Amino acid sequence: MRLALYQPDIAQNTGTILRLAACLATPVDVIGPTGFDMTDRALRRAGLDYLDHVDLTRHESFTAFCAARSQAQKLDLPGRLVLLTAHAETSLYNFAFRPTDTLLLGRESAGVPEAVHGLADARVRIPITHGLRSLNLAVAAAMALGEALRQTGKLPEVKPTH
């Protein structure tokens, strides 16, 4: 399981998602360009103390991301690209995730372009109250990743605190 962020606009959301990924041992692909400085130095200055625990891959463009997926496909690794979008018919909770899926989240301001939409292997939506537009990107990532890891039995084990 992987998370992929398409040209994220908001540094705080990306930081929250990177912390989520660290805590749930999930690799993250950040597809540029981003709307903020994505260097390790900038992320650390912003207080991302979990950066050393994140398997983070930066891609300069969606083309570069697709090229990396293509290389992985030659090794039989990439799995499906599953787009989270308000324009999907299938509910997140009615979709059968696989451990090799990559969950793709779009820009906070604009989602993903139609060309990217068309390349997704599947599209899912998080059901929300009628008349409301969308969830915060980090909240959506947490809900989707949690459900995908639960379905695939890949949630980290809870260790006793005593």
N, C-alpha and C. Protein backbone atom coordinates (compact mmCIF):
# COMPACT_ATOMS: atom_id res chain seq x y z
N MET A 1 0.85 -1.18 0.00
CA MET A 1 0.00 0.00 0.00
C MET A 1 0.89 1.24 0.00
N ARG A 2 0.48 2.24 -0.78
CA ARG A 2 1.21 3.51 -0.86
C ARG A 2 0.19 4.64 -0.91
N LEU A 3 0.63 5.82 -0.51
CA LEU A 3 -0.13 7.05 -0.73
C LEU A 3 0.62 7.86 -1.78
N ALA A 4 -0.11 8.53 -2.65
CA ALA A 4 0.50 9.44 -3.62
C ALA A 4 -0.27 10.75 -3.56
N LEU A 5 0.47 11.86 -3.44
CA LEU A 5 -0.13 13.19 -3.38
C LEU A 5 0.18 13.91 -4.67
N TYR A 6 -0.87 14.28 -5.39
CA TYR A 6 -0.70 14.96 -6.67
C TYR A 6 -0.62 16.47 -6.45
N GLN A 7 0.55 17.05 -6.67
CA GLN A 7 0.78 18.49 -6.61
C GLN A 7 0.10 19.16 -5.41
N PRO A 8 0.42 18.71 -4.20
CA PRO A 8 -0.26 19.28 -3.02
C PRO A 8 0.00 20.78 -2.89
N ASP A 9 -1.03 21.51 -2.43
CA ASP A 9 -0.98 22.97 -2.29
C ASP A 9 -0.62 23.42 -0.88
N ILE A 10 -1.00 22.62 0.11
CA ILE A 10 -0.95 23.08 1.50
C ILE A 10 0.06 22.26 2.29
N ALA A 11 1.11 22.93 2.74
CA ALA A 11 2.20 22.25 3.45
C ALA A 11 1.71 21.53 4.70
N GLN A 12 0.80 22.13 5.44
CA GLN A 12 0.32 21.53 6.69
C GLN A 12 -0.39 20.20 6.42
N ASN A 13 -1.19 20.13 5.35
CA ASN A 13 -1.84 18.87 5.01
C ASN A 13 -0.80 17.80 4.65
N THR A 14 0.18 18.19 3.86
CA THR A 14 1.22 17.24 3.47
C THR A 14 1.99 16.76 4.70
N GLY A 15 2.31 17.68 5.60
CA GLY A 15 2.99 17.29 6.84
C GLY A 15 2.17 16.31 7.66
N THR A 16 0.87 16.56 7.76
CA THR A 16 -0.02 15.65 8.50
C THR A 16 -0.07 14.29 7.83
N ILE A 17 -0.13 14.27 6.51
CA ILE A 17 -0.17 13.00 5.77
C ILE A 17 1.15 12.25 5.92
N LEU A 18 2.26 12.96 5.91
CA LEU A 18 3.56 12.30 6.10
C LEU A 18 3.65 11.70 7.50
N ARG A 19 3.13 12.39 8.50
CA ARG A 19 3.12 11.84 9.86
C ARG A 19 2.22 10.59 9.92
N LEU A 20 1.06 10.66 9.29
CA LEU A 20 0.17 9.50 9.19
C LEU A 20 0.89 8.32 8.56
N ALA A 21 1.56 8.58 7.47
CA ALA A 21 2.28 7.52 6.76
C ALA A 21 3.39 6.92 7.62
N ALA A 22 4.10 7.76 8.36
CA ALA A 22 5.14 7.25 9.26
C ALA A 22 4.52 6.33 10.31
N CYS A 23 3.42 6.77 10.90
CA CYS A 23 2.79 5.99 11.97
C CYS A 23 2.17 4.68 11.47
N LEU A 24 1.78 4.66 10.20
CA LEU A 24 1.15 3.46 9.64
C LEU A 24 2.08 2.73 8.67
N ALA A 25 3.37 3.08 8.69
CA ALA A 25 4.39 2.40 7.88
C ALA A 25 3.98 2.28 6.42
N THR A 26 3.55 3.42 5.85
CA THR A 26 3.08 3.45 4.48
C THR A 26 3.95 4.40 3.66
N PRO A 27 4.55 3.94 2.58
CA PRO A 27 5.34 4.83 1.73
C PRO A 27 4.47 5.91 1.08
N VAL A 28 5.10 7.06 0.80
CA VAL A 28 4.40 8.19 0.19
C VAL A 28 5.17 8.68 -1.02
N ASP A 29 4.43 8.93 -2.10
CA ASP A 29 4.96 9.58 -3.29
C ASP A 29 4.38 10.98 -3.33
N VAL A 30 5.24 12.00 -3.43
CA VAL A 30 4.77 13.36 -3.61
C VAL A 30 5.10 13.76 -5.04
N ILE A 31 4.06 14.08 -5.79
CA ILE A 31 4.18 14.41 -7.20
C ILE A 31 4.16 15.93 -7.35
N GLY A 32 5.23 16.47 -7.87
CA GLY A 32 5.36 17.91 -8.02
C GLY A 32 4.77 18.42 -9.31
N PRO A 33 4.76 19.71 -9.45
CA PRO A 33 5.29 20.66 -8.48
C PRO A 33 4.34 20.86 -7.32
N THR A 34 4.90 21.13 -6.15
CA THR A 34 4.10 21.41 -4.96
C THR A 34 3.94 22.92 -4.81
N GLY A 35 2.99 23.32 -4.01
CA GLY A 35 2.75 24.73 -3.77
C GLY A 35 3.59 25.30 -2.64
N PHE A 36 4.63 24.57 -2.24
CA PHE A 36 5.48 24.97 -1.11
C PHE A 36 6.81 24.25 -1.24
N ASP A 37 7.77 24.64 -0.41
CA ASP A 37 9.11 24.07 -0.41
C ASP A 37 9.06 22.67 0.20
N MET A 38 9.42 21.66 -0.59
CA MET A 38 9.37 20.26 -0.14
C MET A 38 10.73 19.70 0.23
N THR A 39 11.72 20.54 0.43
CA THR A 39 13.03 20.02 0.83
C THR A 39 12.96 19.48 2.26
N ASP A 40 13.86 18.56 2.57
CA ASP A 40 13.91 18.03 3.94
C ASP A 40 14.09 19.17 4.94
N ARG A 41 14.94 20.12 4.60
CA ARG A 41 15.22 21.25 5.51
C ARG A 41 13.93 22.03 5.81
N ALA A 42 13.15 22.32 4.77
CA ALA A 42 11.90 23.07 4.97
C ALA A 42 10.90 22.25 5.78
N LEU A 43 10.82 20.95 5.51
CA LEU A 43 9.89 20.11 6.25
C LEU A 43 10.28 20.03 7.73
N ARG A 44 11.57 19.90 8.01
CA ARG A 44 12.03 19.87 9.40
C ARG A 44 11.77 21.21 10.09
N ARG A 45 12.00 22.31 9.38
CA ARG A 45 11.76 23.64 9.94
C ARG A 45 10.27 23.82 10.27
N ALA A 46 9.42 23.16 9.49
CA ALA A 46 7.98 23.24 9.73
C ALA A 46 7.54 22.33 10.88
N GLY A 47 8.47 21.62 11.47
CA GLY A 47 8.15 20.81 12.64
C GLY A 47 7.83 19.36 12.36
N LEU A 48 8.15 18.89 11.16
CA LEU A 48 7.88 17.49 10.85
C LEU A 48 8.97 16.62 11.45
N ASP A 49 8.78 16.26 12.71
CA ASP A 49 9.79 15.47 13.42
C ASP A 49 9.74 13.99 13.07
N TYR A 50 8.80 13.58 12.26
CA TYR A 50 8.69 12.18 11.86
C TYR A 50 9.32 11.92 10.50
N LEU A 51 9.96 12.90 9.92
CA LEU A 51 10.48 12.78 8.56
C LEU A 51 11.42 11.58 8.40
N ASP A 52 12.24 11.29 9.42
CA ASP A 52 13.17 10.15 9.34
C ASP A 52 12.44 8.81 9.33
N HIS A 53 11.16 8.81 9.65
CA HIS A 53 10.38 7.57 9.72
C HIS A 53 9.47 7.39 8.51
N VAL A 54 9.56 8.29 7.54
CA VAL A 54 8.69 8.24 6.35
C VAL A 54 9.49 7.73 5.16
N ASP A 55 8.93 6.76 4.45
CA ASP A 55 9.49 6.31 3.18
C ASP A 55 8.91 7.24 2.11
N LEU A 56 9.64 8.32 1.83
CA LEU A 56 9.16 9.40 0.97
C LEU A 56 9.91 9.41 -0.35
N THR A 57 9.15 9.42 -1.44
CA THR A 57 9.73 9.56 -2.77
C THR A 57 9.13 10.80 -3.42
N ARG A 58 10.00 11.68 -3.89
CA ARG A 58 9.56 12.89 -4.57
C ARG A 58 9.69 12.69 -6.08
N HIS A 59 8.66 13.12 -6.81
CA HIS A 59 8.65 13.04 -8.27
C HIS A 59 8.45 14.46 -8.80
N GLU A 60 9.26 14.88 -9.75
CA GLU A 60 9.17 16.25 -10.26
C GLU A 60 7.87 16.52 -11.01
N SER A 61 7.24 15.46 -11.53
CA SER A 61 6.02 15.64 -12.33
C SER A 61 5.22 14.34 -12.31
N PHE A 62 4.01 14.42 -12.84
CA PHE A 62 3.20 13.22 -12.96
C PHE A 62 3.83 12.27 -13.97
N THR A 63 4.46 12.81 -15.00
CA THR A 63 5.17 11.98 -15.98
C THR A 63 6.28 11.18 -15.30
N ALA A 64 7.03 11.82 -14.42
CA ALA A 64 8.11 11.12 -13.69
C ALA A 64 7.52 10.05 -12.77
N PHE A 65 6.39 10.34 -12.12
CA PHE A 65 5.71 9.37 -11.27
C PHE A 65 5.30 8.15 -12.10
N CYS A 66 4.70 8.41 -13.28
CA CYS A 66 4.28 7.30 -14.15
C CYS A 66 5.47 6.48 -14.63
N ALA A 67 6.58 7.14 -14.91
CA ALA A 67 7.80 6.43 -15.33
C ALA A 67 8.30 5.52 -14.21
N ALA A 68 8.25 6.00 -12.97
CA ALA A 68 8.67 5.17 -11.83
C ALA A 68 7.73 3.99 -11.65
N ARG A 69 6.44 4.21 -11.84
CA ARG A 69 5.47 3.11 -11.75
C ARG A 69 5.71 2.09 -12.87
N SER A 70 6.04 2.59 -14.05
CA SER A 70 6.32 1.71 -15.19
C SER A 70 7.54 0.83 -14.91
N GLN A 71 8.58 1.42 -14.33
CA GLN A 71 9.78 0.64 -13.95
C GLN A 71 9.41 -0.42 -12.92
N ALA A 72 8.59 -0.04 -11.95
CA ALA A 72 8.17 -1.00 -10.92
C ALA A 72 7.32 -2.11 -11.53
N GLN A 73 6.53 -1.76 -12.55
CA GLN A 73 5.69 -2.75 -13.20
C GLN A 73 6.53 -3.83 -13.86
N LYS A 74 7.68 -3.45 -14.37
CA LYS A 74 8.59 -4.43 -14.97
C LYS A 74 9.06 -5.44 -13.92
N LEU A 75 9.06 -5.01 -12.67
CA LEU A 75 9.43 -5.90 -11.56
C LEU A 75 8.19 -6.52 -10.91
N ASP A 76 7.02 -6.28 -11.54
CA ASP A 76 5.74 -6.79 -11.06
C ASP A 76 5.38 -6.23 -9.68
N LEU A 77 5.61 -4.93 -9.46
CA LEU A 77 5.41 -4.32 -8.16
C LEU A 77 4.29 -3.29 -8.01
N PRO A 78 3.90 -2.51 -9.02
CA PRO A 78 3.17 -1.29 -8.70
C PRO A 78 1.73 -1.43 -8.23
N GLY A 79 1.00 -2.44 -8.64
CA GLY A 79 -0.40 -2.53 -8.25
C GLY A 79 -1.25 -1.48 -8.94
N ARG A 80 -2.47 -1.31 -8.44
CA ARG A 80 -3.42 -0.39 -9.06
C ARG A 80 -3.24 1.03 -8.54
N LEU A 81 -3.60 1.98 -9.37
CA LEU A 81 -3.66 3.37 -8.97
C LEU A 81 -5.12 3.67 -8.66
N VAL A 82 -5.40 3.95 -7.37
CA VAL A 82 -6.78 4.15 -6.92
C VAL A 82 -6.94 5.63 -6.55
N LEU A 83 -7.73 6.34 -7.33
CA LEU A 83 -7.94 7.77 -7.13
C LEU A 83 -9.08 8.02 -6.16
N LEU A 84 -8.82 8.84 -5.14
CA LEU A 84 -9.88 9.32 -4.26
C LEU A 84 -10.44 10.59 -4.88
N THR A 85 -11.72 10.59 -5.17
CA THR A 85 -12.33 11.72 -5.85
C THR A 85 -13.81 11.84 -5.50
N ALA A 86 -14.27 13.07 -5.41
CA ALA A 86 -15.69 13.32 -5.17
C ALA A 86 -16.52 12.95 -6.40
N HIS A 87 -15.86 12.68 -7.54
CA HIS A 87 -16.56 12.38 -8.78
C HIS A 87 -16.70 10.88 -9.04
N ALA A 88 -16.41 10.05 -8.05
CA ALA A 88 -16.50 8.60 -8.22
C ALA A 88 -17.89 8.10 -7.85
N GLU A 89 -18.26 6.99 -8.42
CA GLU A 89 -19.53 6.34 -8.09
C GLU A 89 -19.37 5.37 -6.91
N THR A 90 -18.20 4.74 -6.80
CA THR A 90 -17.98 3.68 -5.81
C THR A 90 -17.55 4.26 -4.47
N SER A 91 -18.23 3.83 -3.42
CA SER A 91 -17.87 4.24 -2.07
C SER A 91 -16.57 3.55 -1.64
N LEU A 92 -15.78 4.26 -0.90
CA LEU A 92 -14.56 3.71 -0.29
C LEU A 92 -14.87 2.40 0.44
N TYR A 93 -16.03 2.32 1.05
CA TYR A 93 -16.39 1.17 1.88
C TYR A 93 -16.96 0.00 1.08
N ASN A 94 -17.20 0.22 -0.22
CA ASN A 94 -17.68 -0.86 -1.09
C ASN A 94 -16.60 -1.29 -2.09
N PHE A 95 -15.39 -0.84 -1.87
CA PHE A 95 -14.29 -1.14 -2.77
C PHE A 95 -13.37 -2.16 -2.11
N ALA A 96 -12.93 -3.15 -2.88
CA ALA A 96 -12.02 -4.17 -2.35
C ALA A 96 -10.57 -3.75 -2.63
N PHE A 97 -9.89 -3.26 -1.60
CA PHE A 97 -8.50 -2.85 -1.74
C PHE A 97 -7.59 -4.05 -1.78
N ARG A 98 -6.43 -3.85 -2.39
CA ARG A 98 -5.37 -4.86 -2.44
C ARG A 98 -4.13 -4.27 -1.78
N PRO A 99 -3.28 -5.11 -1.20
CA PRO A 99 -2.09 -4.60 -0.51
C PRO A 99 -1.13 -3.82 -1.41
N THR A 100 -1.20 -4.00 -2.72
CA THR A 100 -0.29 -3.33 -3.64
C THR A 100 -0.87 -2.04 -4.24
N ASP A 101 -2.05 -1.62 -3.78
CA ASP A 101 -2.67 -0.41 -4.31
C ASP A 101 -1.90 0.84 -3.91
N THR A 102 -1.96 1.85 -4.78
CA THR A 102 -1.48 3.20 -4.47
C THR A 102 -2.70 4.10 -4.44
N LEU A 103 -2.93 4.75 -3.30
CA LEU A 103 -4.05 5.66 -3.14
C LEU A 103 -3.60 7.05 -3.56
N LEU A 104 -4.21 7.59 -4.60
CA LEU A 104 -3.84 8.89 -5.16
C LEU A 104 -4.83 9.96 -4.70
N LEU A 105 -4.28 11.02 -4.10
CA LEU A 105 -5.09 12.16 -3.67
C LEU A 105 -4.70 13.37 -4.48
N GLY A 106 -5.69 14.14 -4.91
CA GLY A 106 -5.45 15.31 -5.75
C GLY A 106 -5.12 16.56 -4.96
N ARG A 107 -4.90 17.64 -5.69
CA ARG A 107 -4.62 18.95 -5.09
C ARG A 107 -5.82 19.42 -4.28
N GLU A 108 -5.53 20.10 -3.19
CA GLU A 108 -6.60 20.64 -2.37
C GLU A 108 -7.47 21.62 -3.17
N SER A 109 -6.85 22.39 -4.04
CA SER A 109 -7.56 23.43 -4.78
C SER A 109 -8.28 22.93 -6.03
N ALA A 110 -7.81 21.83 -6.62
CA ALA A 110 -8.36 21.46 -7.93
C ALA A 110 -8.47 19.97 -8.20
N GLY A 111 -8.13 19.11 -7.24
CA GLY A 111 -8.16 17.68 -7.51
C GLY A 111 -7.08 17.30 -8.51
N VAL A 112 -7.43 16.46 -9.46
CA VAL A 112 -6.51 16.07 -10.53
C VAL A 112 -7.14 16.40 -11.88
N PRO A 113 -6.31 16.66 -12.91
CA PRO A 113 -6.87 16.91 -14.24
C PRO A 113 -7.50 15.65 -14.83
N GLU A 114 -8.33 15.84 -15.84
CA GLU A 114 -9.02 14.72 -16.49
C GLU A 114 -8.04 13.66 -17.00
N ALA A 115 -6.89 14.07 -17.50
CA ALA A 115 -5.91 13.11 -18.02
C ALA A 115 -5.45 12.17 -16.91
N VAL A 116 -5.25 12.69 -15.71
CA VAL A 116 -4.85 11.85 -14.57
C VAL A 116 -6.02 10.98 -14.15
N HIS A 117 -7.21 11.56 -14.13
CA HIS A 117 -8.43 10.79 -13.82
C HIS A 117 -8.51 9.56 -14.71
N GLY A 118 -8.25 9.78 -16.00
CA GLY A 118 -8.36 8.71 -16.98
C GLY A 118 -7.32 7.61 -16.82
N LEU A 119 -6.21 7.90 -16.17
CA LEU A 119 -5.15 6.90 -15.98
C LEU A 119 -5.35 6.05 -14.72
N ALA A 120 -6.26 6.47 -13.85
CA ALA A 120 -6.50 5.70 -12.62
C ALA A 120 -7.15 4.36 -12.96
N ASP A 121 -6.74 3.33 -12.25
CA ASP A 121 -7.33 2.01 -12.45
C ASP A 121 -8.69 1.90 -11.78
N ALA A 122 -8.89 2.71 -10.75
CA ALA A 122 -10.17 2.71 -10.03
C ALA A 122 -10.35 4.09 -9.40
N ARG A 123 -11.62 4.44 -9.15
CA ARG A 123 -11.95 5.71 -8.50
C ARG A 123 -12.92 5.42 -7.37
N VAL A 124 -12.62 5.97 -6.20
CA VAL A 124 -13.50 5.79 -5.04
C VAL A 124 -13.76 7.13 -4.38
N ARG A 125 -14.88 7.19 -3.67
CA ARG A 125 -15.23 8.41 -2.95
C ARG A 125 -15.55 8.08 -1.51
N ILE A 126 -15.36 9.06 -0.66
CA ILE A 126 -15.74 8.94 0.74
C ILE A 126 -17.14 9.54 0.85
N PRO A 127 -18.11 8.76 1.32
CA PRO A 127 -19.46 9.30 1.42
C PRO A 127 -19.52 10.42 2.46
N ILE A 128 -20.09 11.56 2.07
CA ILE A 128 -20.28 12.68 3.00
C ILE A 128 -21.71 13.19 2.85
N THR A 129 -22.13 14.00 3.78
CA THR A 129 -23.48 14.55 3.80
C THR A 129 -23.76 15.32 2.51
N HIS A 130 -24.94 15.08 1.95
CA HIS A 130 -25.37 15.75 0.73
C HIS A 130 -25.29 17.27 0.89
N GLY A 131 -24.80 17.93 -0.14
CA GLY A 131 -24.71 19.38 -0.13
C GLY A 131 -23.37 19.92 0.34
N LEU A 132 -22.54 19.06 0.92
CA LEU A 132 -21.20 19.49 1.33
C LEU A 132 -20.20 19.05 0.26
N ARG A 133 -19.14 19.85 0.09
CA ARG A 133 -18.24 19.65 -1.04
C ARG A 133 -17.20 18.56 -0.81
N SER A 134 -16.45 18.65 0.29
CA SER A 134 -15.35 17.70 0.45
C SER A 134 -14.79 17.75 1.86
N LEU A 135 -13.97 16.77 2.17
CA LEU A 135 -13.24 16.70 3.43
C LEU A 135 -11.86 17.35 3.25
N ASN A 136 -11.24 17.68 4.35
CA ASN A 136 -9.83 18.10 4.33
C ASN A 136 -9.02 16.94 3.76
N LEU A 137 -8.00 17.26 2.98
CA LEU A 137 -7.20 16.24 2.31
C LEU A 137 -6.55 15.26 3.29
N ALA A 138 -6.01 15.76 4.39
CA ALA A 138 -5.36 14.88 5.36
C ALA A 138 -6.38 13.96 6.03
N VAL A 139 -7.58 14.48 6.29
CA VAL A 139 -8.64 13.65 6.88
C VAL A 139 -9.04 12.55 5.89
N ALA A 140 -9.21 12.93 4.62
CA ALA A 140 -9.56 11.95 3.59
C ALA A 140 -8.48 10.87 3.46
N ALA A 141 -7.22 11.30 3.50
CA ALA A 141 -6.11 10.33 3.42
C ALA A 141 -6.16 9.36 4.59
N ALA A 142 -6.41 9.87 5.78
CA ALA A 142 -6.46 9.01 6.97
C ALA A 142 -7.62 8.01 6.88
N MET A 143 -8.78 8.49 6.46
CA MET A 143 -9.93 7.59 6.34
C MET A 143 -9.67 6.50 5.30
N ALA A 144 -9.18 6.90 4.13
CA ALA A 144 -8.97 5.94 3.04
C ALA A 144 -7.86 4.95 3.38
N LEU A 145 -6.75 5.46 3.89
CA LEU A 145 -5.64 4.57 4.22
C LEU A 145 -6.03 3.62 5.35
N GLY A 146 -6.72 4.13 6.34
CA GLY A 146 -7.17 3.27 7.44
C GLY A 146 -8.06 2.14 6.95
N GLU A 147 -9.01 2.45 6.08
CA GLU A 147 -9.91 1.42 5.53
C GLU A 147 -9.14 0.44 4.66
N ALA A 148 -8.24 0.95 3.82
CA ALA A 148 -7.47 0.07 2.93
C ALA A 148 -6.57 -0.88 3.73
N LEU A 149 -5.91 -0.35 4.75
CA LEU A 149 -5.05 -1.20 5.59
C LEU A 149 -5.87 -2.20 6.41
N ARG A 150 -7.04 -1.76 6.88
CA ARG A 150 -7.92 -2.67 7.62
C ARG A 150 -8.35 -3.83 6.73
N GLN A 151 -8.81 -3.50 5.52
CA GLN A 151 -9.28 -4.55 4.60
C GLN A 151 -8.18 -5.54 4.25
N THR A 152 -6.97 -5.06 4.11
CA THR A 152 -5.87 -5.92 3.66
C THR A 152 -5.09 -6.55 4.81
N GLY A 153 -5.51 -6.30 6.04
CA GLY A 153 -4.85 -6.87 7.21
C GLY A 153 -3.47 -6.29 7.45
N LYS A 154 -3.22 -5.06 7.00
CA LYS A 154 -1.89 -4.46 7.10
C LYS A 154 -1.78 -3.34 8.13
N LEU A 155 -2.78 -3.18 8.98
CA LEU A 155 -2.66 -2.19 10.05
C LEU A 155 -1.57 -2.63 11.02
N PRO A 156 -0.79 -1.68 11.56
CA PRO A 156 0.22 -2.08 12.55
C PRO A 156 -0.45 -2.71 13.76
N GLU A 157 0.25 -3.65 14.37
CA GLU A 157 -0.31 -4.30 15.56
C GLU A 157 -0.25 -3.35 16.76
N VAL A 158 -1.27 -3.43 17.58
CA VAL A 158 -1.31 -2.64 18.80
C VAL A 158 -0.51 -3.40 19.86
N LYS A 159 0.45 -2.73 20.45
CA LYS A 159 1.27 -3.36 21.49
C LYS A 159 0.72 -2.95 22.86
N PRO A 160 0.68 -3.90 23.81
CA PRO A 160 0.19 -3.55 25.15
C PRO A 160 1.03 -2.44 25.77
N THR A 161 0.38 -1.56 26.52
CA THR A 161 1.08 -0.44 27.14
C THR A 161 1.62 -0.77 28.52
N HIS A 162 1.31 -1.93 29.08
CA HIS A 162 1.82 -2.25 30.42
C HIS A 162 3.14 -2.95 30.31
